[in-house]
Every structure is written in structure tokens, then in C-alpha cells.
Amino acid sequence: MIPLGNAARLLAGVVALATIFGALLADFLIPAGAAQHLRNDAWPPHAKFHDAQYIVMSLLLGVIALVLLMRRGGDRFPTLGWACAVLAVPWLALLGALLFPGTAIQDPEFDNPSALGLHPQILLSLILLALLLAAVALAARQRPGAAAEPRRADSDRGGFGA
């Protein structure tokens, strides 16, 4: 059986990789997605700039989270919690962007297939956010002082403010 901390780190690591590569692949490198984003001739340059900004931001946030996860203590609550918070930013931003007037998840000329009645980006965001919540819950269960595990020495905890 995988220890709780390692399972939590694995879940967050999967989300980190999706965050690092997802927007870059979907909006720039994969032709079908790129045609709707950075390689869409109907988009003005400023719209493309903001998509490129999102791609770079997602990549940087994913790398920051991966560094947190890879460091000593990255499987424990304080550090893993910060990594998950960093990873949640672009996915929550994607959902939050729909609240602004005049925005849409896709341009009208495109018809993306839906899964479970949701646009693929919405579904992916919800899945990745659920994985982050699961990672935090697993890490919280293995925190020092949790009922199932003995308390670790202060020097063994690592992380931010641990």
C-alpha cells in the first residue's frame, strides 16, 4: 500500500504535470486546439497575448508546485498544501473567467464535444481540482498529531511553518 504522503504527492504531481503542459499543448501545439487559440486567425493579437500569458503562467505555477513537491517534506501537509494551492490557481481562474461578461468557453464557430454535458476544459478543471482536494485530504490525514500516526520531531517535519 502507498503511504498517504506519497499518494498525496503523486496526485499533486499529476496535476502539476497537467498544469505545466496542458495549456501549452492544447492552445499552441496540438493543431485542433491551437486552431481555436493562438493559431486562430480570427483572434486579434491582444487576445493571443492573453492566451500566451495564461500558457506561461500555468507553466510557471506548475513548475513552482513541482519544486515544492520534490523538496524534502514535499509529501507533508504544509508544503503539499502550498503546492496544491499554487496548482489550483490556473484551474480556478479558468472557471472564474466564465463569470465575466462577454466571455465564453469557446468561440461560436467551434463545436467541441462534451463529456458528461460539460465542455472538456470545464471537466478537466473539475477533475484536477478534485485531485488536489484529495491530495490535501490525504496529506492532512498524515499530519503530525493526526490520530493515525505518531507525532514527528520538529526537525523532521519540513515545509513552510511546519
C-alpha atoms as a PDB file:
ATOM      1  CA  MET A   1       0.000   0.000   0.000  1.00  0.00           C
ATOM      2  CA  ILE A   2       1.256   3.516  -0.859  1.00  0.00           C
ATOM      3  CA  PRO A   3       1.820   5.694   2.230  1.00  0.00           C
ATOM      4  CA  LEU A   4      -0.648   8.599   2.462  1.00  0.00           C
ATOM      5  CA  GLY A   5       2.049  11.232   1.927  1.00  0.00           C
ATOM      6  CA  ASN A   6       3.356   9.540  -1.206  1.00  0.00           C
ATOM      7  CA  ALA A   7      -0.168   9.111  -2.595  1.00  0.00           C
ATOM      8  CA  ALA A   8      -0.880  12.785  -1.930  1.00  0.00           C
ATOM      9  CA  ARG A   9       2.375  13.809  -3.608  1.00  0.00           C
ATOM     10  CA  LEU A  10       1.600  11.560  -6.581  1.00  0.00           C
ATOM     11  CA  LEU A  11      -1.871  13.092  -7.061  1.00  0.00           C
ATOM     12  CA  ALA A  12      -0.485  16.623  -6.821  1.00  0.00           C
ATOM     13  CA  GLY A  13       2.366  15.659  -9.165  1.00  0.00           C
ATOM     14  CA  VAL A  14      -0.108  14.508 -11.814  1.00  0.00           C
ATOM     15  CA  VAL A  15      -1.897  17.860 -11.560  1.00  0.00           C
ATOM     16  CA  ALA A  16       1.459  19.679 -11.711  1.00  0.00           C
ATOM     17  CA  LEU A  17       2.323  17.932 -14.981  1.00  0.00           C
ATOM     18  CA  ALA A  18      -1.129  18.703 -16.409  1.00  0.00           C
ATOM     19  CA  THR A  19      -0.673  22.335 -15.360  1.00  0.00           C
ATOM     20  CA  ILE A  20       2.818  22.606 -16.846  1.00  0.00           C
ATOM     21  CA  PHE A  21       1.958  21.067 -20.204  1.00  0.00           C
ATOM     22  CA  GLY A  22      -1.846  21.346 -20.584  1.00  0.00           C
ATOM     23  CA  ALA A  23      -2.304  24.872 -21.891  1.00  0.00           C
ATOM     24  CA  LEU A  24       0.903  24.743 -23.939  1.00  0.00           C
ATOM     25  CA  LEU A  25      -0.260  21.584 -25.703  1.00  0.00           C
ATOM     26  CA  ALA A  26      -3.947  22.460 -26.034  1.00  0.00           C
ATOM     27  CA  ASP A  27      -3.629  26.116 -27.025  1.00  0.00           C
ATOM     28  CA  PHE A  28      -0.405  26.129 -29.035  1.00  0.00           C
ATOM     29  CA  LEU A  29       0.967  22.731 -30.097  1.00  0.00           C
ATOM     30  CA  ILE A  30      -1.970  20.378 -30.782  1.00  0.00           C
ATOM     31  CA  PRO A  31      -3.415  21.567 -34.124  1.00  0.00           C
ATOM     32  CA  ALA A  32      -7.116  21.155 -33.277  1.00  0.00           C
ATOM     33  CA  GLY A  33      -6.789  23.152 -30.066  1.00  0.00           C
ATOM     34  CA  ALA A  34      -4.288  25.653 -31.439  1.00  0.00           C
ATOM     35  CA  ALA A  35      -6.702  26.483 -34.281  1.00  0.00           C
ATOM     36  CA  GLN A  36      -9.122  27.702 -31.601  1.00  0.00           C
ATOM     37  CA  HIS A  37      -6.490  29.693 -29.708  1.00  0.00           C
ATOM     38  CA  LEU A  38      -3.043  31.030 -30.634  1.00  0.00           C
ATOM     39  CA  ARG A  39      -3.231  29.855 -34.246  1.00  0.00           C
ATOM     40  CA  ASN A  40      -6.765  31.219 -34.742  1.00  0.00           C
ATOM     41  CA  ASP A  41      -6.536  33.900 -37.447  1.00  0.00           C
ATOM     42  CA  ALA A  42      -9.795  35.443 -36.213  1.00  0.00           C
ATOM     43  CA  TRP A  43      -8.204  36.325 -32.862  1.00  0.00           C
ATOM     44  CA  PRO A  44      -6.641  39.782 -32.607  1.00  0.00           C
ATOM     45  CA  PRO A  45      -3.035  39.947 -31.389  1.00  0.00           C
ATOM     46  CA  HIS A  46      -4.046  41.193 -27.941  1.00  0.00           C
ATOM     47  CA  ALA A  47      -6.318  38.170 -27.381  1.00  0.00           C
ATOM     48  CA  LYS A  48      -3.445  35.904 -28.413  1.00  0.00           C
ATOM     49  CA  PHE A  49      -1.195  37.776 -25.975  1.00  0.00           C
ATOM     50  CA  HIS A  50      -3.542  36.962 -23.088  1.00  0.00           C
ATOM     51  CA  ASP A  51      -3.701  33.298 -24.072  1.00  0.00           C
ATOM     52  CA  ALA A  52       0.094  33.180 -24.255  1.00  0.00           C
ATOM     53  CA  GLN A  53       0.184  34.864 -20.837  1.00  0.00           C
ATOM     54  CA  TYR A  54      -2.087  32.100 -19.463  1.00  0.00           C
ATOM     55  CA  ILE A  55       0.150  29.421 -21.000  1.00  0.00           C
ATOM     56  CA  VAL A  56       3.300  30.901 -19.432  1.00  0.00           C
ATOM     57  CA  MET A  57       1.554  31.489 -16.080  1.00  0.00           C
ATOM     58  CA  SER A  58       0.312  27.901 -15.967  1.00  0.00           C
ATOM     59  CA  LEU A  59       3.746  26.551 -16.844  1.00  0.00           C
ATOM     60  CA  LEU A  60       5.438  28.660 -14.150  1.00  0.00           C
ATOM     61  CA  LEU A  61       2.872  27.800 -11.473  1.00  0.00           C
ATOM     62  CA  GLY A  62       3.203  24.111 -12.320  1.00  0.00           C
ATOM     63  CA  VAL A  63       6.996  24.271 -12.039  1.00  0.00           C
ATOM     64  CA  ILE A  64       6.807  26.131  -8.702  1.00  0.00           C
ATOM     65  CA  ALA A  65       4.437  23.489  -7.339  1.00  0.00           C
ATOM     66  CA  LEU A  66       6.618  20.656  -8.648  1.00  0.00           C
ATOM     67  CA  VAL A  67       9.652  22.162  -6.908  1.00  0.00           C
ATOM     68  CA  LEU A  68       7.663  22.310  -3.659  1.00  0.00           C
ATOM     69  CA  LEU A  69       6.559  18.701  -4.088  1.00  0.00           C
ATOM     70  CA  MET A  70      10.074  17.458  -4.858  1.00  0.00           C
ATOM     71  CA  ARG A  71      11.748  19.075  -1.870  1.00  0.00           C
ATOM     72  CA  ARG A  72      12.281  17.337   1.439  1.00  0.00           C
ATOM     73  CA  GLY A  73       8.946  17.303   3.246  1.00  0.00           C
ATOM     74  CA  GLY A  74       7.019  17.793  -0.007  1.00  0.00           C
ATOM     75  CA  ASP A  75       4.747  14.913   0.938  1.00  0.00           C
ATOM     76  CA  ARG A  76       3.673  16.520   4.192  1.00  0.00           C
ATOM     77  CA  PHE A  77       0.805  18.867   4.826  1.00  0.00           C
ATOM     78  CA  PRO A  78       2.246  22.360   4.967  1.00  0.00           C
ATOM     79  CA  THR A  79       4.375  22.076   1.840  1.00  0.00           C
ATOM     80  CA  LEU A  80       1.933  19.900  -0.072  1.00  0.00           C
ATOM     81  CA  GLY A  81      -0.900  22.251   0.851  1.00  0.00           C
ATOM     82  CA  TRP A  82       1.009  25.214  -0.596  1.00  0.00           C
ATOM     83  CA  ALA A  83       1.817  23.240  -3.755  1.00  0.00           C
ATOM     84  CA  CYS A  84      -1.860  22.351  -4.200  1.00  0.00           C
ATOM     85  CA  ALA A  85      -2.909  25.968  -3.637  1.00  0.00           C
ATOM     86  CA  VAL A  86      -0.462  27.114  -6.323  1.00  0.00           C
ATOM     87  CA  LEU A  87      -1.733  24.406  -8.701  1.00  0.00           C
ATOM     88  CA  ALA A  88      -5.370  25.360  -8.129  1.00  0.00           C
ATOM     89  CA  VAL A  89      -4.808  28.939  -9.358  1.00  0.00           C
ATOM     90  CA  PRO A  90      -4.991  28.431 -13.156  1.00  0.00           C
ATOM     91  CA  TRP A  91      -7.850  25.928 -12.914  1.00  0.00           C
ATOM     92  CA  LEU A  92      -9.915  28.171 -10.643  1.00  0.00           C
ATOM     93  CA  ALA A  93      -9.061  31.103 -12.917  1.00  0.00           C
ATOM     94  CA  LEU A  94     -10.378  29.176 -15.912  1.00  0.00           C
ATOM     95  CA  LEU A  95     -13.702  28.628 -14.123  1.00  0.00           C
ATOM     96  CA  GLY A  96     -13.786  32.167 -12.739  1.00  0.00           C
ATOM     97  CA  ALA A  97     -13.231  33.691 -16.183  1.00  0.00           C
ATOM     98  CA  LEU A  98     -16.702  32.482 -17.167  1.00  0.00           C
ATOM     99  CA  LEU A  99     -18.212  34.930 -14.652  1.00  0.00           C
ATOM    100  CA  PHE A 100     -17.058  37.956 -16.636  1.00  0.00           C
ATOM    101  CA  PRO A 101     -19.485  39.493 -19.163  1.00  0.00           C
ATOM    102  CA  GLY A 102     -18.883  38.651 -22.807  1.00  0.00           C
ATOM    103  CA  THR A 103     -16.734  35.576 -22.131  1.00  0.00           C
ATOM    104  CA  ALA A 104     -17.380  32.078 -23.424  1.00  0.00           C
ATOM    105  CA  ILE A 105     -15.626  28.753 -23.020  1.00  0.00           C
ATOM    106  CA  GLN A 106     -15.305  28.506 -26.816  1.00  0.00           C
ATOM    107  CA  ASP A 107     -15.839  30.661 -29.879  1.00  0.00           C
ATOM    108  CA  PRO A 108     -19.167  30.102 -31.690  1.00  0.00           C
ATOM    109  CA  GLU A 109     -17.557  28.722 -34.861  1.00  0.00           C
ATOM    110  CA  PHE A 110     -16.178  25.725 -32.955  1.00  0.00           C
ATOM    111  CA  ASP A 111     -18.152  22.755 -31.706  1.00  0.00           C
ATOM    112  CA  ASN A 112     -16.179  20.880 -29.085  1.00  0.00           C
ATOM    113  CA  PRO A 113     -17.555  17.553 -27.922  1.00  0.00           C
ATOM    114  CA  SER A 114     -18.892  17.489 -24.400  1.00  0.00           C
ATOM    115  CA  ALA A 115     -18.327  14.848 -21.783  1.00  0.00           C
ATOM    116  CA  LEU A 116     -20.961  14.434 -19.096  1.00  0.00           C
ATOM    117  CA  GLY A 117     -22.605  17.533 -20.556  1.00  0.00           C
ATOM    118  CA  LEU A 118     -19.518  19.672 -19.865  1.00  0.00           C
ATOM    119  CA  HIS A 119     -17.011  21.348 -22.147  1.00  0.00           C
ATOM    120  CA  PRO A 120     -13.714  19.382 -21.962  1.00  0.00           C
ATOM    121  CA  GLN A 121     -11.859  22.297 -20.293  1.00  0.00           C
ATOM    122  CA  ILE A 122     -14.526  22.581 -17.582  1.00  0.00           C
ATOM    123  CA  LEU A 123     -14.479  18.833 -16.985  1.00  0.00           C
ATOM    124  CA  LEU A 124     -10.676  18.764 -16.842  1.00  0.00           C
ATOM    125  CA  SER A 125     -10.636  21.678 -14.389  1.00  0.00           C
ATOM    126  CA  LEU A 126     -13.130  19.964 -12.096  1.00  0.00           C
ATOM    127  CA  ILE A 127     -11.225  16.667 -12.207  1.00  0.00           C
ATOM    128  CA  LEU A 128      -7.880  18.316 -11.465  1.00  0.00           C
ATOM    129  CA  LEU A 129      -9.352  20.389  -8.632  1.00  0.00           C
ATOM    130  CA  ALA A 130     -10.876  17.198  -7.175  1.00  0.00           C
ATOM    131  CA  LEU A 131      -7.453  15.516  -7.344  1.00  0.00           C
ATOM    132  CA  LEU A 132      -5.946  18.481  -5.484  1.00  0.00           C
ATOM    133  CA  LEU A 133      -8.617  18.267  -2.794  1.00  0.00           C
ATOM    134  CA  ALA A 134      -7.947  14.542  -2.437  1.00  0.00           C
ATOM    135  CA  ALA A 135      -4.195  15.211  -2.149  1.00  0.00           C
ATOM    136  CA  VAL A 136      -4.754  17.811   0.580  1.00  0.00           C
ATOM    137  CA  ALA A 137      -7.116  15.485   2.434  1.00  0.00           C
ATOM    138  CA  LEU A 138      -4.578  12.644   2.305  1.00  0.00           C
ATOM    139  CA  ALA A 139      -1.763  14.914   3.437  1.00  0.00           C
ATOM    140  CA  ALA A 140      -3.897  16.313   6.255  1.00  0.00           C
ATOM    141  CA  ARG A 141      -4.566  12.773   7.497  1.00  0.00           C
ATOM    142  CA  GLN A 142      -0.852  12.103   7.838  1.00  0.00           C
ATOM    143  CA  ARG A 143      -0.089  15.421   9.595  1.00  0.00           C
ATOM    144  CA  PRO A 144       1.810  15.276  12.839  1.00  0.00           C
ATOM    145  CA  GLY A 145      -0.712  14.962  15.620  1.00  0.00           C
ATOM    146  CA  ALA A 146      -3.255  13.131  13.456  1.00  0.00           C
ATOM    147  CA  ALA A 147      -4.787  10.196  15.284  1.00  0.00           C
ATOM    148  CA  ALA A 148      -3.365   7.503  12.995  1.00  0.00           C
ATOM    149  CA  GLU A 149       0.321   8.477  13.189  1.00  0.00           C
ATOM    150  CA  PRO A 150       2.736   9.365  15.978  1.00  0.00           C
ATOM    151  CA  ARG A 151       3.965  12.957  16.196  1.00  0.00           C
ATOM    152  CA  ARG A 152       7.260  13.641  14.391  1.00  0.00           C
ATOM    153  CA  ALA A 153      10.109  15.632  15.828  1.00  0.00           C
ATOM    154  CA  ASP A 154      10.137  19.320  14.777  1.00  0.00           C
ATOM    155  CA  SER A 155      13.352  18.801  12.821  1.00  0.00           C
ATOM    156  CA  ASP A 156      11.740  16.037  10.754  1.00  0.00           C
ATOM    157  CA  ARG A 157       8.686  17.950   9.549  1.00  0.00           C
ATOM    158  CA  GLY A 158       9.983  20.318   6.841  1.00  0.00           C
ATOM    159  CA  GLY A 159       7.766  22.640   4.828  1.00  0.00           C
ATOM    160  CA  PHE A 160       6.535  26.182   5.387  1.00  0.00           C
ATOM    161  CA  GLY A 161       5.911  26.860   9.035  1.00  0.00           C
ATOM    162  CA  ALA A 162       5.765  23.168   9.822  1.00  0.00           C
END
